[in-house]
């Protein structure tokens, strides 16, 4: 009986001991060897540091311990270590930082090596394009010098860009050096509303009946072609591509379109206006001469086609580069005498084209059918082995007229040469209020001639026949040409 009472007492003591050591944190274990041990914990406060939290350590003499009453780490007290500037002969240090409390380096300082700030001790100043001469070098900080002749590099141009309008409303980017005022222009932007053909369509009573359709079509083509300059697509002739149209036997890439109610105008009219747009906007070098029309029961859609040579972005970028070079080259010639008259501008353009290119024929002696031979790239590609046919000459003349501020027109129709009448293109130019004929193609002979430079009406009429004014012309038999101004009865150049 006494043994049972003693056993119960020991078990109760063990339970009480467990309860007295259970304070809500870590409950110490009890083995059969310490049934008579009651924990007695001593508290030690561990202060928090910059990076580690603080706490209270509860420890019994038997080595049993646990942690409680935790406090957050203090965080660093940041103190900036100021930068030490370098001198010509002593190193400097970059700005750094450390903890004011614990001393830990938070941002390392880096050594800035000592060095002189040399400049040329110039005896002859450099210009934008020519080097200067120096007798040596001088430190801008401490004044230390070196001796011996030094070449001072040319400064190079410091161009400032502005958008400048020409006298006929078109614009280009003007680049002028802030130091020497060297100037060139590029990036011609044509205001289509100033084009002669657009203005004629908008004002001449011949085109009044369907004027709104003509002008809306023209604007839609212009807006789409301007947007196409930003295209980065490499086009491929694959069925299913949203930019591919097919005649059944031939696929094309189209880049601009206009839709109108079926029957509102004839197909001949649509083709005529499209053709006028292509010929009078030479800046859109990438357009093919092909045109495409499709219809359903209610609508007709006419589309502008992308010429094969310009399917890839690389080809288009190269073309733009060539055009910019041509613009800059012509403007440099103009800047020899920036106050030149309109007659002098016209002669500059006429002579520049003839000196740069030759009329292009294929291996059979026929006019070349290459895309570049029918647009401004025959001139602008800077390739001595390429050139153009009459369409290239006339478009180039019109483009450069826009650049220099001349009022010019591209004319399409027929020309009689060596007893043969063929399709032909030339220009009209306005000088001092009078209009004259210009046929750069026919003036490109072994040497430059001026038989068709600012020629009078009688001279031009003898072998040049403009296309029909009516937009209902059958383009398979004739050409469409908006009504033209009357040419002067006298020559503009002798």
Foldseek 3Di string as FASTA:
>chain_A
DVVVVVVVVLVVQQVVLQVVQCDPWDRDDDDPVVSVDRFDWDWDWAPAEQQGKTWIWTAGPVGDIDTHDIGDHPHFQKDKDDWADAEQQGKIWHIFIAGPGPGHTDGDIDIHDHRFQKDFQFPFPAEQQGWGKGQWIAGPHPGDTDGDIDIGDHPHFDWDWDWDAFPQGKIWIWTAGPGPRDIFTFDIGDDVCSQPQNVLLVPPPLNPLLSVVLNVQLVQVVVQLVVCLPDQAQDDADPPPPQWDDPPVDIFGFRTKDKDWPPSDDPLLVLQSVQQSCLRCLVSLQWDNDKDWDDDPTMIMITTTGDPQPSHPVSSVLLSVLRRVVRRVLVVVCVVPVPDALLVLLVSQLQLQLVQAAQDDDPVRHGDPDSCQQGCNQRRSSDHVGHHHQNNSARSSSVSCSSNRWRKHKFWWWFADPNDIDTHIWMWTDGPRFIFTARSNVQNDPDGDCQRPQHFPVSCVVTHDTWDQNSSDDVVVIHHDNDDDHHHRHGPDD
